[in-house]
Amino acid sequence: TKNNVLNKNGIVILEHVTEVKWQDFGL
């Protein structure tokens, strides 16, 4: 988010086993 590398309509896919706080980053 800081480097603005995701397109306006882009998606981020996370593979994880623990909780991730994506809301903190405007996602």
mmCIF file of all heavy atoms, coordinates in Angstrom:
data_MODEL
# 
_entry.id   MODEL 
# 
loop_
_atom_site.group_PDB 
_atom_site.id 
_atom_site.type_symbol 
_atom_site.label_atom_id 
_atom_site.label_alt_id 
_atom_site.label_comp_id 
_atom_site.label_asym_id 
_atom_site.label_entity_id 
_atom_site.label_seq_id 
_atom_site.pdbx_PDB_ins_code 
_atom_site.Cartn_x 
_atom_site.Cartn_y 
_atom_site.Cartn_z 
_atom_site.occupancy 
_atom_site.B_iso_or_equiv 
_atom_site.pdbx_formal_charge 
_atom_site.auth_seq_id 
_atom_site.auth_comp_id 
_atom_site.auth_asym_id 
_atom_site.auth_atom_id 
_atom_site.pdbx_PDB_model_num 
ATOM 1   N N   . THR A 1 1  ? 0.824   -1.213  0.000   1.00 0.00 ? 1  THR A N   1 
ATOM 2   C CA  . THR A 1 1  ? 0.000   0.000   0.000   1.00 0.00 ? 1  THR A CA  1 
ATOM 3   C C   . THR A 1 1  ? 0.859   1.264   0.000   1.00 0.00 ? 1  THR A C   1 
ATOM 4   O O   . THR A 1 1  ? 0.547   2.223   -0.699  1.00 0.00 ? 1  THR A O   1 
ATOM 5   C CB  . THR A 1 1  ? -0.989  0.007   1.181   1.00 0.00 ? 1  THR A CB  1 
ATOM 6   O OG1 . THR A 1 1  ? -0.279  -0.173  2.401   1.00 0.00 ? 1  THR A OG1 1 
ATOM 7   C CG2 . THR A 1 1  ? -2.002  -1.106  1.033   1.00 0.00 ? 1  THR A CG2 1 
ATOM 8   N N   . LYS A 1 2  ? 1.944   1.258   0.764   1.00 0.00 ? 2  LYS A N   1 
ATOM 9   C CA  . LYS A 1 2  ? 2.822   2.429   0.836   1.00 0.00 ? 2  LYS A CA  1 
ATOM 10  C C   . LYS A 1 2  ? 3.434   2.756   -0.518  1.00 0.00 ? 2  LYS A C   1 
ATOM 11  O O   . LYS A 1 2  ? 3.556   3.922   -0.890  1.00 0.00 ? 2  LYS A O   1 
ATOM 12  C CB  . LYS A 1 2  ? 3.923   2.177   1.871   1.00 0.00 ? 2  LYS A CB  1 
ATOM 13  C CG  . LYS A 1 2  ? 4.874   3.352   2.053   1.00 0.00 ? 2  LYS A CG  1 
ATOM 14  C CD  . LYS A 1 2  ? 5.858   3.099   3.180   1.00 0.00 ? 2  LYS A CD  1 
ATOM 15  C CE  . LYS A 1 2  ? 6.993   2.256   2.663   1.00 0.00 ? 2  LYS A CE  1 
ATOM 16  N NZ  . LYS A 1 2  ? 8.058   2.064   3.651   1.00 0.00 ? 2  LYS A NZ  1 
ATOM 17  N N   . ASN A 1 3  ? 3.818   1.724   -1.262  1.00 0.00 ? 3  ASN A N   1 
ATOM 18  C CA  . ASN A 1 3  ? 4.465   1.922   -2.557  1.00 0.00 ? 3  ASN A CA  1 
ATOM 19  C C   . ASN A 1 3  ? 3.487   1.905   -3.726  1.00 0.00 ? 3  ASN A C   1 
ATOM 20  O O   . ASN A 1 3  ? 3.900   1.989   -4.876  1.00 0.00 ? 3  ASN A O   1 
ATOM 21  C CB  . ASN A 1 3  ? 5.566   0.876   -2.758  1.00 0.00 ? 3  ASN A CB  1 
ATOM 22  C CG  . ASN A 1 3  ? 6.714   1.100   -1.807  1.00 0.00 ? 3  ASN A CG  1 
ATOM 23  O OD1 . ASN A 1 3  ? 7.463   2.058   -1.946  1.00 0.00 ? 3  ASN A OD1 1 
ATOM 24  N ND2 . ASN A 1 3  ? 6.834   0.245   -0.801  1.00 0.00 ? 3  ASN A ND2 1 
ATOM 25  N N   . ASN A 1 4  ? 2.185   1.779   -3.423  1.00 0.00 ? 4  ASN A N   1 
ATOM 26  C CA  . ASN A 1 4  ? 1.134   1.836   -4.435  1.00 0.00 ? 4  ASN A CA  1 
ATOM 27  C C   . ASN A 1 4  ? 1.409   0.914   -5.623  1.00 0.00 ? 4  ASN A C   1 
ATOM 28  O O   . ASN A 1 4  ? 1.327   1.332   -6.775  1.00 0.00 ? 4  ASN A O   1 
ATOM 29  C CB  . ASN A 1 4  ? 0.934   3.285   -4.907  1.00 0.00 ? 4  ASN A CB  1 
ATOM 30  C CG  . ASN A 1 4  ? -0.377  3.464   -5.627  1.00 0.00 ? 4  ASN A CG  1 
ATOM 31  O OD1 . ASN A 1 4  ? -1.359  2.800   -5.324  1.00 0.00 ? 4  ASN A OD1 1 
ATOM 32  N ND2 . ASN A 1 4  ? -0.389  4.376   -6.591  1.00 0.00 ? 4  ASN A ND2 1 
ATOM 33  N N   . VAL A 1 5  ? 1.695   -0.349  -5.347  1.00 0.00 ? 5  VAL A N   1 
ATOM 34  C CA  . VAL A 1 5  ? 2.012   -1.292  -6.423  1.00 0.00 ? 5  VAL A CA  1 
ATOM 35  C C   . VAL A 1 5  ? 0.818   -2.148  -6.845  1.00 0.00 ? 5  VAL A C   1 
ATOM 36  O O   . VAL A 1 5  ? 0.932   -2.946  -7.764  1.00 0.00 ? 5  VAL A O   1 
ATOM 37  C CB  . VAL A 1 5  ? 3.212   -2.202  -6.058  1.00 0.00 ? 5  VAL A CB  1 
ATOM 38  C CG1 . VAL A 1 5  ? 4.487   -1.389  -5.932  1.00 0.00 ? 5  VAL A CG1 1 
ATOM 39  C CG2 . VAL A 1 5  ? 2.950   -3.009  -4.817  1.00 0.00 ? 5  VAL A CG2 1 
ATOM 40  N N   . LEU A 1 6  ? -0.336  -1.955  -6.206  1.00 0.00 ? 6  LEU A N   1 
ATOM 41  C CA  . LEU A 1 6  ? -1.541  -2.687  -6.582  1.00 0.00 ? 6  LEU A CA  1 
ATOM 42  C C   . LEU A 1 6  ? -2.424  -1.792  -7.440  1.00 0.00 ? 6  LEU A C   1 
ATOM 43  O O   . LEU A 1 6  ? -2.752  -0.667  -7.056  1.00 0.00 ? 6  LEU A O   1 
ATOM 44  C CB  . LEU A 1 6  ? -2.305  -3.129  -5.326  1.00 0.00 ? 6  LEU A CB  1 
ATOM 45  C CG  . LEU A 1 6  ? -3.556  -3.980  -5.549  1.00 0.00 ? 6  LEU A CG  1 
ATOM 46  C CD1 . LEU A 1 6  ? -3.181  -5.318  -6.176  1.00 0.00 ? 6  LEU A CD1 1 
ATOM 47  C CD2 . LEU A 1 6  ? -4.280  -4.203  -4.228  1.00 0.00 ? 6  LEU A CD2 1 
ATOM 48  N N   . ASN A 1 7  ? -2.798  -2.293  -8.637  1.00 0.00 ? 7  ASN A N   1 
ATOM 49  C CA  . ASN A 1 7  ? -3.704  -1.544  -9.503  1.00 0.00 ? 7  ASN A CA  1 
ATOM 50  C C   . ASN A 1 7  ? -5.009  -1.245  -8.800  1.00 0.00 ? 7  ASN A C   1 
ATOM 51  O O   . ASN A 1 7  ? -5.391  -1.935  -7.853  1.00 0.00 ? 7  ASN A O   1 
ATOM 52  C CB  . ASN A 1 7  ? -4.014  -2.348  -10.772 1.00 0.00 ? 7  ASN A CB  1 
ATOM 53  C CG  . ASN A 1 7  ? -2.931  -2.251  -11.803 1.00 0.00 ? 7  ASN A CG  1 
ATOM 54  O OD1 . ASN A 1 7  ? -2.155  -1.309  -11.829 1.00 0.00 ? 7  ASN A OD1 1 
ATOM 55  N ND2 . ASN A 1 7  ? -2.852  -3.247  -12.668 1.00 0.00 ? 7  ASN A ND2 1 
ATOM 56  N N   . LYS A 1 8  ? -5.725  -0.257  -9.298  1.00 0.00 ? 8  LYS A N   1 
ATOM 57  C CA  . LYS A 1 8  ? -7.008  0.161   -8.720  1.00 0.00 ? 8  LYS A CA  1 
ATOM 58  C C   . LYS A 1 8  ? -7.965  -1.017  -8.545  1.00 0.00 ? 8  LYS A C   1 
ATOM 59  O O   . LYS A 1 8  ? -8.638  -1.137  -7.543  1.00 0.00 ? 8  LYS A O   1 
ATOM 60  C CB  . LYS A 1 8  ? -7.635  1.231   -9.615  1.00 0.00 ? 8  LYS A CB  1 
ATOM 61  C CG  . LYS A 1 8  ? -8.990  1.688   -9.180  1.00 0.00 ? 8  LYS A CG  1 
ATOM 62  C CD  . LYS A 1 8  ? -9.546  2.703   -10.159 1.00 0.00 ? 8  LYS A CD  1 
ATOM 63  C CE  . LYS A 1 8  ? -11.011 2.959   -9.845  1.00 0.00 ? 8  LYS A CE  1 
ATOM 64  N NZ  . LYS A 1 8  ? -11.662 3.732   -10.879 1.00 0.00 ? 8  LYS A NZ  1 
ATOM 65  N N   . ASN A 1 9  ? -8.026  -1.903  -9.535  1.00 0.00 ? 9  ASN A N   1 
ATOM 66  C CA  . ASN A 1 9  ? -8.923  -3.058  -9.481  1.00 0.00 ? 9  ASN A CA  1 
ATOM 67  C C   . ASN A 1 9  ? -8.169  -4.358  -9.201  1.00 0.00 ? 9  ASN A C   1 
ATOM 68  O O   . ASN A 1 9  ? -8.707  -5.443  -9.420  1.00 0.00 ? 9  ASN A O   1 
ATOM 69  C CB  . ASN A 1 9  ? -9.706  -3.182  -10.787 1.00 0.00 ? 9  ASN A CB  1 
ATOM 70  C CG  . ASN A 1 9  ? -10.621 -1.994  -10.998 1.00 0.00 ? 9  ASN A CG  1 
ATOM 71  O OD1 . ASN A 1 9  ? -11.308 -1.567  -10.080 1.00 0.00 ? 9  ASN A OD1 1 
ATOM 72  N ND2 . ASN A 1 9  ? -10.600 -1.430  -12.189 1.00 0.00 ? 9  ASN A ND2 1 
ATOM 73  N N   . GLY A 1 10 ? -6.932  -4.243  -8.728  1.00 0.00 ? 10 GLY A N   1 
ATOM 74  C CA  . GLY A 1 10 ? -6.116  -5.421  -8.467  1.00 0.00 ? 10 GLY A CA  1 
ATOM 75  C C   . GLY A 1 10 ? -6.529  -6.151  -7.201  1.00 0.00 ? 10 GLY A C   1 
ATOM 76  O O   . GLY A 1 10 ? -7.307  -5.642  -6.395  1.00 0.00 ? 10 GLY A O   1 
ATOM 77  N N   . ILE A 1 11 ? -5.984  -7.365  -7.054  1.00 0.00 ? 11 ILE A N   1 
ATOM 78  C CA  . ILE A 1 11 ? -6.262  -8.157  -5.861  1.00 0.00 ? 11 ILE A CA  1 
ATOM 79  C C   . ILE A 1 11 ? -4.962  -8.634  -5.223  1.00 0.00 ? 11 ILE A C   1 
ATOM 80  O O   . ILE A 1 11 ? -3.944  -8.786  -5.888  1.00 0.00 ? 11 ILE A O   1 
ATOM 81  C CB  . ILE A 1 11 ? -7.176  -9.371  -6.147  1.00 0.00 ? 11 ILE A CB  1 
ATOM 82  C CG1 . ILE A 1 11 ? -6.515  -10.349 -7.118  1.00 0.00 ? 11 ILE A CG1 1 
ATOM 83  C CG2 . ILE A 1 11 ? -8.532  -8.941  -6.639  1.00 0.00 ? 11 ILE A CG2 1 
ATOM 84  C CD1 . ILE A 1 11 ? -7.245  -11.674 -7.235  1.00 0.00 ? 11 ILE A CD1 1 
ATOM 85  N N   . VAL A 1 12 ? -5.037  -8.830  -3.926  1.00 0.00 ? 12 VAL A N   1 
ATOM 86  C CA  . VAL A 1 12 ? -3.939  -9.422  -3.168  1.00 0.00 ? 12 VAL A CA  1 
ATOM 87  C C   . VAL A 1 12 ? -4.444  -10.774 -2.680  1.00 0.00 ? 12 VAL A C   1 
ATOM 88  O O   . VAL A 1 12 ? -5.555  -10.878 -2.156  1.00 0.00 ? 12 VAL A O   1 
ATOM 89  C CB  . VAL A 1 12 ? -3.546  -8.555  -1.951  1.00 0.00 ? 12 VAL A CB  1 
ATOM 90  C CG1 . VAL A 1 12 ? -2.490  -9.252  -1.113  1.00 0.00 ? 12 VAL A CG1 1 
ATOM 91  C CG2 . VAL A 1 12 ? -3.052  -7.187  -2.397  1.00 0.00 ? 12 VAL A CG2 1 
ATOM 92  N N   . ILE A 1 13 ? -3.628  -11.801 -2.881  1.00 0.00 ? 13 ILE A N   1 
ATOM 93  C CA  . ILE A 1 13 ? -3.972  -13.138 -2.412  1.00 0.00 ? 13 ILE A CA  1 
ATOM 94  C C   . ILE A 1 13 ? -2.959  -13.521 -1.347  1.00 0.00 ? 13 ILE A C   1 
ATOM 95  O O   . ILE A 1 13 ? -1.752  -13.491 -1.592  1.00 0.00 ? 13 ILE A O   1 
ATOM 96  C CB  . ILE A 1 13 ? -3.934  -14.166 -3.557  1.00 0.00 ? 13 ILE A CB  1 
ATOM 97  C CG1 . ILE A 1 13 ? -4.864  -13.730 -4.691  1.00 0.00 ? 13 ILE A CG1 1 
ATOM 98  C CG2 . ILE A 1 13 ? -4.309  -15.557 -3.032  1.00 0.00 ? 13 ILE A CG2 1 
ATOM 99  C CD1 . ILE A 1 13 ? -4.701  -14.531 -5.968  1.00 0.00 ? 13 ILE A CD1 1 
ATOM 100 N N   . LEU A 1 14 ? -3.458  -13.846 -0.165  1.00 0.00 ? 14 LEU A N   1 
ATOM 101 C CA  . LEU A 1 14 ? -2.608  -14.255 0.949   1.00 0.00 ? 14 LEU A CA  1 
ATOM 102 C C   . LEU A 1 14 ? -2.832  -15.733 1.236   1.00 0.00 ? 14 LEU A C   1 
ATOM 103 O O   . LEU A 1 14 ? -3.965  -16.182 1.322   1.00 0.00 ? 14 LEU A O   1 
ATOM 104 C CB  . LEU A 1 14 ? -2.972  -13.513 2.228   1.00 0.00 ? 14 LEU A CB  1 
ATOM 105 C CG  . LEU A 1 14 ? -2.838  -12.016 2.309   1.00 0.00 ? 14 LEU A CG  1 
ATOM 106 C CD1 . LEU A 1 14 ? -3.418  -11.521 3.621   1.00 0.00 ? 14 LEU A CD1 1 
ATOM 107 C CD2 . LEU A 1 14 ? -1.398  -11.621 2.207   1.00 0.00 ? 14 LEU A CD2 1 
ATOM 108 N N   . GLU A 1 15 ? -1.739  -16.465 1.403   1.00 0.00 ? 15 GLU A N   1 
ATOM 109 C CA  . GLU A 1 15 ? -1.820  -17.818 1.928   1.00 0.00 ? 15 GLU A CA  1 
ATOM 110 C C   . GLU A 1 15 ? -1.226  -17.755 3.326   1.00 0.00 ? 15 GLU A C   1 
ATOM 111 O O   . GLU A 1 15 ? -0.078  -17.365 3.498   1.00 0.00 ? 15 GLU A O   1 
ATOM 112 C CB  . GLU A 1 15 ? -1.042  -18.791 1.047   1.00 0.00 ? 15 GLU A CB  1 
ATOM 113 C CG  . GLU A 1 15 ? -1.219  -20.219 1.487   1.00 0.00 ? 15 GLU A CG  1 
ATOM 114 C CD  . GLU A 1 15 ? -0.555  -21.215 0.553   1.00 0.00 ? 15 GLU A CD  1 
ATOM 115 O OE1 . GLU A 1 15 ? -0.591  -21.008 -0.672  1.00 0.00 ? 15 GLU A OE1 1 
ATOM 116 O OE2 . GLU A 1 15 ? 0.001   -22.190 1.068   1.00 0.00 ? 15 GLU A OE2 1 
ATOM 117 N N   . HIS A 1 16 ? -2.033  -18.106 4.350   1.00 0.00 ? 16 HIS A N   1 
ATOM 118 C CA  . HIS A 1 16 ? -1.575  -17.909 5.717   1.00 0.00 ? 16 HIS A CA  1 
ATOM 119 C C   . HIS A 1 16 ? -2.224  -18.904 6.669   1.00 0.00 ? 16 HIS A C   1 
ATOM 120 O O   . HIS A 1 16 ? -3.259  -19.493 6.362   1.00 0.00 ? 16 HIS A O   1 
ATOM 121 C CB  . HIS A 1 16 ? -1.857  -16.468 6.171   1.00 0.00 ? 16 HIS A CB  1 
ATOM 122 C CG  . HIS A 1 16 ? -3.296  -16.068 6.069   1.00 0.00 ? 16 HIS A CG  1 
ATOM 123 N ND1 . HIS A 1 16 ? -4.126  -16.013 7.162   1.00 0.00 ? 16 HIS A ND1 1 
ATOM 124 C CD2 . HIS A 1 16 ? -4.066  -15.705 5.005   1.00 0.00 ? 16 HIS A CD2 1 
ATOM 125 C CE1 . HIS A 1 16 ? -5.331  -15.618 6.784   1.00 0.00 ? 16 HIS A CE1 1 
ATOM 126 N NE2 . HIS A 1 16 ? -5.318  -15.426 5.472   1.00 0.00 ? 16 HIS A NE2 1 
ATOM 127 N N   . VAL A 1 17 ? -1.605  -19.044 7.851   1.00 0.00 ? 17 VAL A N   1 
ATOM 128 C CA  . VAL A 1 17 ? -2.160  -19.916 8.895   1.00 0.00 ? 17 VAL A CA  1 
ATOM 129 C C   . VAL A 1 17 ? -2.539  -19.125 10.147  1.00 0.00 ? 17 VAL A C   1 
ATOM 130 O O   . VAL A 1 17 ? -3.242  -19.636 11.001  1.00 0.00 ? 17 VAL A O   1 
ATOM 131 C CB  . VAL A 1 17 ? -1.197  -21.072 9.280   1.00 0.00 ? 17 VAL A CB  1 
ATOM 132 C CG1 . VAL A 1 17 ? -1.019  -22.024 8.108   1.00 0.00 ? 17 VAL A CG1 1 
ATOM 133 C CG2 . VAL A 1 17 ? 0.138   -20.549 9.768   1.00 0.00 ? 17 VAL A CG2 1 
ATOM 134 N N   . THR A 1 18 ? -2.056  -17.915 10.255  1.00 0.00 ? 18 THR A N   1 
ATOM 135 C CA  . THR A 1 18 ? -2.375  -17.066 11.398  1.00 0.00 ? 18 THR A CA  1 
ATOM 136 C C   . THR A 1 18 ? -3.264  -15.914 10.932  1.00 0.00 ? 18 THR A C   1 
ATOM 137 O O   . THR A 1 18 ? -3.357  -15.627 9.748   1.00 0.00 ? 18 THR A O   1 
ATOM 138 C CB  . THR A 1 18 ? -1.101  -16.489 12.044  1.00 0.00 ? 18 THR A CB  1 
ATOM 139 O OG1 . THR A 1 18 ? -0.383  -15.736 11.058  1.00 0.00 ? 18 THR A OG1 1 
ATOM 140 C CG2 . THR A 1 18 ? -0.208  -17.586 12.594  1.00 0.00 ? 18 THR A CG2 1 
ATOM 141 N N   . GLU A 1 19 ? -3.894  -15.233 11.876  1.00 0.00 ? 19 GLU A N   1 
ATOM 142 C CA  . GLU A 1 19 ? -4.746  -14.093 11.546  1.00 0.00 ? 19 GLU A CA  1 
ATOM 143 C C   . GLU A 1 19 ? -3.904  -12.956 10.969  1.00 0.00 ? 19 GLU A C   1 
ATOM 144 O O   . GLU A 1 19 ? -2.808  -12.676 11.454  1.00 0.00 ? 19 GLU A O   1 
ATOM 145 C CB  . GLU A 1 19 ? -5.467  -13.598 12.796  1.00 0.00 ? 19 GLU A CB  1 
ATOM 146 C CG  . GLU A 1 19 ? -6.445  -12.496 12.517  1.00 0.00 ? 19 GLU A CG  1 
ATOM 147 C CD  . GLU A 1 19 ? -7.187  -12.043 13.760  1.00 0.00 ? 19 GLU A CD  1 
ATOM 148 O OE1 . GLU A 1 19 ? -7.368  -12.860 14.674  1.00 0.00 ? 19 GLU A OE1 1 
ATOM 149 O OE2 . GLU A 1 19 ? -7.564  -10.862 13.808  1.00 0.00 ? 19 GLU A OE2 1 
ATOM 150 N N   . VAL A 1 20 ? -4.421  -12.328 9.926   1.00 0.00 ? 20 VAL A N   1 
ATOM 151 C CA  . VAL A 1 20 ? -3.752  -11.185 9.299   1.00 0.00 ? 20 VAL A CA  1 
ATOM 152 C C   . VAL A 1 20 ? -4.716  -10.009 9.340   1.00 0.00 ? 20 VAL A C   1 
ATOM 153 O O   . VAL A 1 20 ? -5.878  -10.134 8.950   1.00 0.00 ? 20 VAL A O   1 
ATOM 154 C CB  . VAL A 1 20 ? -3.353  -11.507 7.840   1.00 0.00 ? 20 VAL A CB  1 
ATOM 155 C CG1 . VAL A 1 20 ? -2.725  -10.288 7.185   1.00 0.00 ? 20 VAL A CG1 1 
ATOM 156 C CG2 . VAL A 1 20 ? -2.413  -12.700 7.780   1.00 0.00 ? 20 VAL A CG2 1 
ATOM 157 N N   . LYS A 1 21 ? -4.246  -8.848  9.795   1.00 0.00 ? 21 LYS A N   1 
ATOM 158 C CA  . LYS A 1 21 ? -5.098  -7.661  9.944   1.00 0.00 ? 21 LYS A CA  1 
ATOM 159 C C   . LYS A 1 21 ? -5.026  -6.791  8.688   1.00 0.00 ? 21 LYS A C   1 
ATOM 160 O O   . LYS A 1 21 ? -4.433  -5.725  8.692   1.00 0.00 ? 21 LYS A O   1 
ATOM 161 C CB  . LYS A 1 21 ? -4.681  -6.882  11.184  1.00 0.00 ? 21 LYS A CB  1 
ATOM 162 C CG  . LYS A 1 21 ? -4.853  -7.692  12.446  1.00 0.00 ? 21 LYS A CG  1 
ATOM 163 C CD  . LYS A 1 21 ? -4.462  -6.877  13.658  1.00 0.00 ? 21 LYS A CD  1 
ATOM 164 C CE  . LYS A 1 21 ? -4.369  -7.765  14.838  1.00 0.00 ? 21 LYS A CE  1 
ATOM 165 N NZ  . LYS A 1 21 ? -5.389  -7.841  15.742  1.00 0.00 ? 21 LYS A NZ  1 
ATOM 166 N N   . TRP A 1 22 ? -5.631  -7.260  7.593   1.00 0.00 ? 22 TRP A N   1 
ATOM 167 C CA  . TRP A 1 22 ? -5.591  -6.546  6.319   1.00 0.00 ? 22 TRP A CA  1 
ATOM 168 C C   . TRP A 1 22 ? -6.384  -5.243  6.369   1.00 0.00 ? 22 TRP A C   1 
ATOM 169 O O   . TRP A 1 22 ? -6.098  -4.321  5.623   1.00 0.00 ? 22 TRP A O   1 
ATOM 170 C CB  . TRP A 1 22 ? -6.106  -7.438  5.187   1.00 0.00 ? 22 TRP A CB  1 
ATOM 171 C CG  . TRP A 1 22 ? -7.513  -7.885  5.377   1.00 0.00 ? 22 TRP A CG  1 
ATOM 172 C CD1 . TRP A 1 22 ? -8.648  -7.166  5.126   1.00 0.00 ? 22 TRP A CD1 1 
ATOM 173 C CD2 . TRP A 1 22 ? -7.943  -9.124  5.905   1.00 0.00 ? 22 TRP A CD2 1 
ATOM 174 N NE1 . TRP A 1 22 ? -9.755  -7.891  5.463   1.00 0.00 ? 22 TRP A NE1 1 
ATOM 175 C CE2 . TRP A 1 22 ? -9.354  -9.110  5.938   1.00 0.00 ? 22 TRP A CE2 1 
ATOM 176 C CE3 . TRP A 1 22 ? -7.291  -10.265 6.344   1.00 0.00 ? 22 TRP A CE3 1 
ATOM 177 C CZ2 . TRP A 1 22 ? -10.105 -10.175 6.390   1.00 0.00 ? 22 TRP A CZ2 1 
ATOM 178 C CZ3 . TRP A 1 22 ? -8.046  -11.322 6.792   1.00 0.00 ? 22 TRP A CZ3 1 
ATOM 179 C CH2 . TRP A 1 22 ? -9.426  -11.285 6.816   1.00 0.00 ? 22 TRP A CH2 1 
ATOM 180 N N   . GLN A 1 23 ? -7.365  -5.148  7.263   1.00 0.00 ? 23 GLN A N   1 
ATOM 181 C CA  . GLN A 1 23 ? -8.183  -3.937  7.353   1.00 0.00 ? 23 GLN A CA  1 
ATOM 182 C C   . GLN A 1 23 ? -7.337  -2.717  7.712   1.00 0.00 ? 23 GLN A C   1 
ATOM 183 O O   . GLN A 1 23 ? -7.669  -1.599  7.328   1.00 0.00 ? 23 GLN A O   1 
ATOM 184 C CB  . GLN A 1 23 ? -9.288  -4.102  8.410   1.00 0.00 ? 23 GLN A CB  1 
ATOM 185 C CG  . GLN A 1 23 ? -10.175 -5.299  8.209   1.00 0.00 ? 23 GLN A CG  1 
ATOM 186 C CD  . GLN A 1 23 ? -9.656  -6.571  8.899   1.00 0.00 ? 23 GLN A CD  1 
ATOM 187 O OE1 . GLN A 1 23 ? -8.470  -6.725  9.152   1.00 0.00 ? 23 GLN A OE1 1 
ATOM 188 N NE2 . GLN A 1 23 ? -10.554 -7.499  9.164   1.00 0.00 ? 23 GLN A NE2 1 
ATOM 189 N N   . ASP A 1 24 ? -6.243  -2.933  8.425   1.00 0.00 ? 24 ASP A N   1 
ATOM 190 C CA  . ASP A 1 24 ? -5.362  -1.831  8.824   1.00 0.00 ? 24 ASP A CA  1 
ATOM 191 C C   . ASP A 1 24 ? -4.702  -1.150  7.630   1.00 0.00 ? 24 ASP A C   1 
ATOM 192 O O   . ASP A 1 24 ? -4.120  -0.082  7.768   1.00 0.00 ? 24 ASP A O   1 
ATOM 193 C CB  . ASP A 1 24 ? -4.266  -2.323  9.779   1.00 0.00 ? 24 ASP A CB  1 
ATOM 194 C CG  . ASP A 1 24 ? -4.815  -2.809  11.116  1.00 0.00 ? 24 ASP A CG  1 
ATOM 195 O OD1 . ASP A 1 24 ? -5.998  -2.548  11.412  1.00 0.00 ? 24 ASP A OD1 1 
ATOM 196 O OD2 . ASP A 1 24 ? -4.053  -3.441  11.852  1.00 0.00 ? 24 ASP A OD2 1 
ATOM 197 N N   . PHE A 1 25 ? -4.800  -1.759  6.438   1.00 0.00 ? 25 PHE A N   1 
ATOM 198 C CA  . PHE A 1 25 ? -4.116  -1.240  5.260   1.00 0.00 ? 25 PHE A CA  1 
ATOM 199 C C   . PHE A 1 25 ? -5.095  -0.815  4.172   1.00 0.00 ? 25 PHE A C   1 
ATOM 200 O O   . PHE A 1 25 ? -4.730  -0.682  3.010   1.00 0.00 ? 25 PHE A O   1 
ATOM 201 C CB  . PHE A 1 25 ? -3.121  -2.288  4.742   1.00 0.00 ? 25 PHE A CB  1 
ATOM 202 C CG  . PHE A 1 25 ? -2.160  -2.706  5.808   1.00 0.00 ? 25 PHE A CG  1 
ATOM 203 C CD1 . PHE A 1 25 ? -2.390  -3.856  6.551   1.00 0.00 ? 25 PHE A CD1 1 
ATOM 204 C CD2 . PHE A 1 25 ? -1.067  -1.922  6.128   1.00 0.00 ? 25 PHE A CD2 1 
ATOM 205 C CE1 . PHE A 1 25 ? -1.523  -4.225  7.569   1.00 0.00 ? 25 PHE A CE1 1 
ATOM 206 C CE2 . PHE A 1 25 ? -0.204  -2.280  7.147   1.00 0.00 ? 25 PHE A CE2 1 
ATOM 207 C CZ  . PHE A 1 25 ? -0.438  -3.432  7.871   1.00 0.00 ? 25 PHE A CZ  1 
ATOM 208 N N   . GLY A 1 26 ? -6.343  -0.600  4.565   1.00 0.00 ? 26 GLY A N   1 
ATOM 209 C CA  . GLY A 1 26 ? -7.345  -0.130  3.611   1.00 0.00 ? 26 GLY A CA  1 
ATOM 210 C C   . GLY A 1 26 ? -7.764  -1.190  2.612   1.00 0.00 ? 26 GLY A C   1 
ATOM 211 O O   . GLY A 1 26 ? -8.231  -0.852  1.531   1.00 0.00 ? 26 GLY A O   1 
ATOM 212 N N   . LEU A 1 27 ? -7.609  -2.446  2.961   1.00 0.00 ? 27 LEU A N   1 
ATOM 213 C CA  . LEU A 1 27 ? -7.996  -3.529  2.062   1.00 0.00 ? 27 LEU A CA  1 
ATOM 214 C C   . LEU A 1 27 ? -9.306  -4.143  2.521   1.00 0.00 ? 27 LEU A C   1 
ATOM 215 O O   . LEU A 1 27 ? -9.632  -4.142  3.705   1.00 0.00 ? 27 LEU A O   1 
ATOM 216 C CB  . LEU A 1 27 ? -6.891  -4.582  2.002   1.00 0.00 ? 27 LEU A CB  1 
ATOM 217 C CG  . LEU A 1 27 ? -5.561  -4.087  1.441   1.00 0.00 ? 27 LEU A CG  1 
ATOM 218 C CD1 . LEU A 1 27 ? -4.475  -5.129  1.633   1.00 0.00 ? 27 LEU A CD1 1 
ATOM 219 C CD2 . LEU A 1 27 ? -5.681  -3.717  -0.030  1.00 0.00 ? 27 LEU A CD2 1 
# 
